[in-house]
Amino acid sequence: MMTVFDHFSGVDATPPTRTAISLSSLRKSFGERVKMWVSTCADYYAAAALYEELRGLSDAELHKRGISRDTLARKVCKSCDRTAGR
């Protein structure tokens, strides 16, 4: 006759310390993703502010800065993207 304990004899239970480590690494991973999201938001906010400032300049002023109106948005986003070098 099988007992209740015989059903669980082959089960490898995860020790509590492993669970705690898993939760800790999950929390750290989530925290890193939130930091990256906030950083990305800050980068694009800075890019939007810079774009608003530069788009009001004349074509001659933009040319002095080495920027054409056609590539203004792309260059501004690239200049504010901290992850571009990674």
N, C-alpha and C. Protein backbone atom coordinates (compact mmCIF):
# COMPACT_ATOMS: atom_id res chain seq x y z
N MET A 1 0.84 -1.18 0.00
CA MET A 1 0.00 0.00 0.00
C MET A 1 0.89 1.25 0.00
N MET A 2 0.56 2.26 -0.84
CA MET A 2 1.34 3.51 -0.92
C MET A 2 0.82 4.50 0.10
N THR A 3 1.75 5.19 0.68
CA THR A 3 1.37 6.26 1.60
C THR A 3 1.43 7.58 0.87
N VAL A 4 0.97 8.59 1.49
CA VAL A 4 1.02 9.95 0.91
C VAL A 4 2.46 10.36 0.67
N PHE A 5 3.36 9.96 1.55
CA PHE A 5 4.76 10.36 1.44
C PHE A 5 5.45 9.68 0.27
N ASP A 6 4.97 8.49 -0.15
CA ASP A 6 5.56 7.80 -1.28
C ASP A 6 5.35 8.58 -2.58
N HIS A 7 4.28 9.30 -2.70
CA HIS A 7 4.01 10.10 -3.89
C HIS A 7 5.02 11.22 -4.06
N PHE A 8 5.55 11.72 -2.96
CA PHE A 8 6.47 12.87 -3.00
C PHE A 8 7.92 12.48 -2.83
N SER A 9 8.22 11.18 -2.79
CA SER A 9 9.60 10.76 -2.52
C SER A 9 10.56 11.16 -3.64
N GLY A 10 10.09 11.23 -4.89
CA GLY A 10 10.96 11.58 -6.00
C GLY A 10 10.98 13.06 -6.32
N VAL A 11 10.22 13.85 -5.61
CA VAL A 11 10.12 15.29 -5.89
C VAL A 11 11.30 16.00 -5.26
N ASP A 12 11.94 16.84 -6.05
CA ASP A 12 13.06 17.64 -5.54
C ASP A 12 12.52 19.00 -5.14
N ALA A 13 12.29 19.19 -3.88
CA ALA A 13 11.75 20.47 -3.39
C ALA A 13 12.85 21.51 -3.40
N THR A 14 12.50 22.72 -3.79
CA THR A 14 13.46 23.82 -3.80
C THR A 14 13.62 24.34 -2.39
N PRO A 15 14.86 24.36 -1.90
CA PRO A 15 15.08 24.88 -0.55
C PRO A 15 14.69 26.35 -0.47
N PRO A 16 14.28 26.82 0.70
CA PRO A 16 13.87 28.23 0.84
C PRO A 16 14.95 29.23 0.44
N THR A 17 16.23 28.89 0.67
CA THR A 17 17.29 29.84 0.31
C THR A 17 17.36 30.03 -1.20
N ARG A 18 17.13 28.98 -1.96
CA ARG A 18 17.13 29.13 -3.41
C ARG A 18 15.98 30.01 -3.87
N THR A 19 14.84 29.83 -3.26
CA THR A 19 13.68 30.66 -3.60
C THR A 19 13.98 32.12 -3.28
N ALA A 20 14.59 32.37 -2.15
CA ALA A 20 14.92 33.74 -1.77
C ALA A 20 15.91 34.36 -2.76
N ILE A 21 16.86 33.56 -3.20
CA ILE A 21 17.83 34.05 -4.17
C ILE A 21 17.13 34.35 -5.49
N SER A 22 16.24 33.50 -5.89
CA SER A 22 15.51 33.72 -7.14
C SER A 22 14.69 34.99 -7.07
N LEU A 23 14.00 35.19 -5.96
CA LEU A 23 13.20 36.40 -5.80
C LEU A 23 14.08 37.63 -5.76
N SER A 24 15.23 37.50 -5.12
CA SER A 24 16.15 38.62 -5.04
C SER A 24 16.68 38.99 -6.43
N SER A 25 17.05 37.99 -7.22
CA SER A 25 17.56 38.28 -8.56
C SER A 25 16.44 38.81 -9.46
N LEU A 26 15.22 38.33 -9.25
CA LEU A 26 14.08 38.83 -10.01
C LEU A 26 13.83 40.30 -9.68
N ARG A 27 13.90 40.62 -8.41
CA ARG A 27 13.71 42.01 -7.97
C ARG A 27 14.80 42.90 -8.55
N LYS A 28 16.04 42.41 -8.54
CA LYS A 28 17.17 43.19 -9.07
C LYS A 28 16.98 43.40 -10.58
N SER A 29 16.58 42.35 -11.28
CA SER A 29 16.36 42.45 -12.72
C SER A 29 15.26 43.46 -13.03
N PHE A 30 14.19 43.41 -12.27
CA PHE A 30 13.09 44.37 -12.45
C PHE A 30 13.58 45.78 -12.19
N GLY A 31 14.36 45.96 -11.14
CA GLY A 31 14.91 47.27 -10.81
C GLY A 31 15.80 47.81 -11.91
N GLU A 32 16.62 46.94 -12.50
CA GLU A 32 17.49 47.36 -13.60
C GLU A 32 16.66 47.78 -14.82
N ARG A 33 15.58 47.07 -15.09
CA ARG A 33 14.73 47.43 -16.22
C ARG A 33 14.04 48.77 -15.99
N VAL A 34 13.62 49.02 -14.76
CA VAL A 34 12.98 50.30 -14.44
C VAL A 34 13.99 51.43 -14.61
N LYS A 35 15.21 51.21 -14.13
CA LYS A 35 16.26 52.24 -14.28
C LYS A 35 16.52 52.53 -15.76
N MET A 36 16.58 51.47 -16.56
CA MET A 36 16.84 51.65 -17.99
C MET A 36 15.68 52.41 -18.65
N TRP A 37 14.45 52.10 -18.25
CA TRP A 37 13.28 52.79 -18.82
C TRP A 37 13.31 54.27 -18.45
N VAL A 38 13.60 54.57 -17.19
CA VAL A 38 13.65 55.97 -16.74
C VAL A 38 14.77 56.70 -17.48
N SER A 39 15.89 56.04 -17.63
CA SER A 39 17.02 56.65 -18.34
C SER A 39 16.66 56.94 -19.80
N THR A 40 15.97 56.00 -20.43
CA THR A 40 15.55 56.20 -21.82
C THR A 40 14.56 57.35 -21.92
N CYS A 41 13.63 57.42 -20.99
CA CYS A 41 12.67 58.54 -20.98
C CYS A 41 13.40 59.88 -20.84
N ALA A 42 14.39 59.91 -19.95
CA ALA A 42 15.15 61.15 -19.75
C ALA A 42 15.91 61.53 -21.02
N ASP A 43 16.49 60.52 -21.69
CA ASP A 43 17.21 60.79 -22.94
C ASP A 43 16.30 61.42 -23.99
N TYR A 44 15.13 60.84 -24.16
CA TYR A 44 14.23 61.35 -25.19
C TYR A 44 13.57 62.67 -24.79
N TYR A 45 13.42 62.90 -23.51
CA TYR A 45 12.92 64.21 -23.07
C TYR A 45 13.97 65.28 -23.41
N ALA A 46 15.23 64.96 -23.13
CA ALA A 46 16.31 65.89 -23.47
C ALA A 46 16.39 66.11 -24.98
N ALA A 47 16.19 65.04 -25.74
CA ALA A 47 16.22 65.17 -27.20
C ALA A 47 15.07 66.06 -27.69
N ALA A 48 13.90 65.90 -27.10
CA ALA A 48 12.75 66.72 -27.51
C ALA A 48 13.01 68.19 -27.20
N ALA A 49 13.59 68.46 -26.04
CA ALA A 49 13.88 69.85 -25.67
C ALA A 49 14.93 70.45 -26.61
N LEU A 50 15.96 69.67 -26.93
CA LEU A 50 16.99 70.15 -27.84
C LEU A 50 16.42 70.38 -29.23
N TYR A 51 15.58 69.47 -29.69
CA TYR A 51 14.96 69.61 -31.01
C TYR A 51 14.12 70.88 -31.07
N GLU A 52 13.33 71.12 -30.02
CA GLU A 52 12.49 72.33 -30.00
C GLU A 52 13.36 73.58 -30.08
N GLU A 53 14.50 73.55 -29.44
CA GLU A 53 15.40 74.70 -29.46
C GLU A 53 16.02 74.88 -30.85
N LEU A 54 16.46 73.78 -31.46
CA LEU A 54 17.17 73.87 -32.74
C LEU A 54 16.25 74.08 -33.94
N ARG A 55 15.03 73.58 -33.86
CA ARG A 55 14.16 73.68 -35.04
C ARG A 55 13.77 75.12 -35.35
N GLY A 56 13.89 76.00 -34.37
CA GLY A 56 13.57 77.41 -34.59
C GLY A 56 14.69 78.18 -35.25
N LEU A 57 15.86 77.57 -35.38
CA LEU A 57 16.99 78.25 -36.01
C LEU A 57 16.81 78.27 -37.53
N SER A 58 17.45 79.25 -38.14
CA SER A 58 17.42 79.34 -39.61
C SER A 58 18.29 78.23 -40.19
N ASP A 59 18.10 77.97 -41.47
CA ASP A 59 18.92 76.97 -42.15
C ASP A 59 20.41 77.33 -42.09
N ALA A 60 20.71 78.65 -42.19
CA ALA A 60 22.10 79.10 -42.12
C ALA A 60 22.71 78.80 -40.75
N GLU A 61 21.93 79.04 -39.68
CA GLU A 61 22.41 78.74 -38.32
C GLU A 61 22.63 77.24 -38.12
N LEU A 62 21.70 76.46 -38.63
CA LEU A 62 21.86 75.00 -38.53
C LEU A 62 23.10 74.55 -39.30
N HIS A 63 23.32 75.14 -40.49
CA HIS A 63 24.48 74.80 -41.30
C HIS A 63 25.78 75.12 -40.55
N LYS A 64 25.82 76.25 -39.83
CA LYS A 64 27.01 76.60 -39.03
C LYS A 64 27.30 75.52 -38.00
N ARG A 65 26.26 74.87 -37.51
CA ARG A 65 26.43 73.81 -36.50
C ARG A 65 26.64 72.44 -37.13
N GLY A 66 26.67 72.40 -38.45
CA GLY A 66 26.90 71.13 -39.14
C GLY A 66 25.68 70.24 -39.20
N ILE A 67 24.51 70.86 -39.19
CA ILE A 67 23.25 70.11 -39.20
C ILE A 67 22.39 70.61 -40.35
N SER A 68 21.75 69.68 -41.04
CA SER A 68 20.77 70.10 -42.04
C SER A 68 19.38 69.88 -41.44
N ARG A 69 18.42 70.60 -41.95
CA ARG A 69 17.06 70.46 -41.43
C ARG A 69 16.51 69.05 -41.68
N ASP A 70 16.97 68.41 -42.77
CA ASP A 70 16.52 67.06 -43.09
C ASP A 70 16.96 66.02 -42.07
N THR A 71 18.12 66.23 -41.47
CA THR A 71 18.65 65.24 -40.52
C THR A 71 18.58 65.71 -39.07
N LEU A 72 17.93 66.82 -38.84
CA LEU A 72 17.90 67.41 -37.50
C LEU A 72 17.36 66.44 -36.45
N ALA A 73 16.20 65.87 -36.67
CA ALA A 73 15.60 64.98 -35.67
C ALA A 73 16.48 63.77 -35.40
N ARG A 74 17.02 63.15 -36.44
CA ARG A 74 17.86 61.97 -36.28
C ARG A 74 19.12 62.28 -35.48
N LYS A 75 19.75 63.41 -35.81
CA LYS A 75 20.99 63.78 -35.11
C LYS A 75 20.72 64.13 -33.65
N VAL A 76 19.61 64.80 -33.39
CA VAL A 76 19.28 65.15 -32.01
C VAL A 76 19.04 63.90 -31.19
N CYS A 77 18.26 62.95 -31.72
CA CYS A 77 18.00 61.69 -30.99
C CYS A 77 19.30 60.93 -30.75
N LYS A 78 20.15 60.87 -31.75
CA LYS A 78 21.42 60.16 -31.61
C LYS A 78 22.32 60.82 -30.58
N SER A 79 22.32 62.13 -30.53
CA SER A 79 23.20 62.83 -29.59
C SER A 79 22.73 62.66 -28.14
N CYS A 80 21.44 62.40 -27.94
CA CYS A 80 20.91 62.25 -26.58
C CYS A 80 20.79 60.80 -26.13
N ASP A 81 21.10 59.85 -27.00
CA ASP A 81 20.95 58.43 -26.69
C ASP A 81 22.22 57.91 -26.00
N ARG A 82 22.12 57.63 -24.71
CA ARG A 82 23.27 57.12 -23.96
C ARG A 82 23.59 55.67 -24.31
N THR A 83 22.63 54.93 -24.87
CA THR A 83 22.87 53.52 -25.18
C THR A 83 23.50 53.33 -26.55
N ALA A 84 23.67 54.38 -27.33
CA ALA A 84 24.21 54.25 -28.67
C ALA A 84 25.64 53.69 -28.66
N GLY A 85 26.41 53.99 -27.65
CA GLY A 85 27.79 53.53 -27.57
C GLY A 85 27.94 52.14 -26.96
N ARG A 86 26.85 51.57 -26.48
CA ARG A 86 26.94 50.25 -25.82
C ARG A 86 26.90 49.13 -26.78
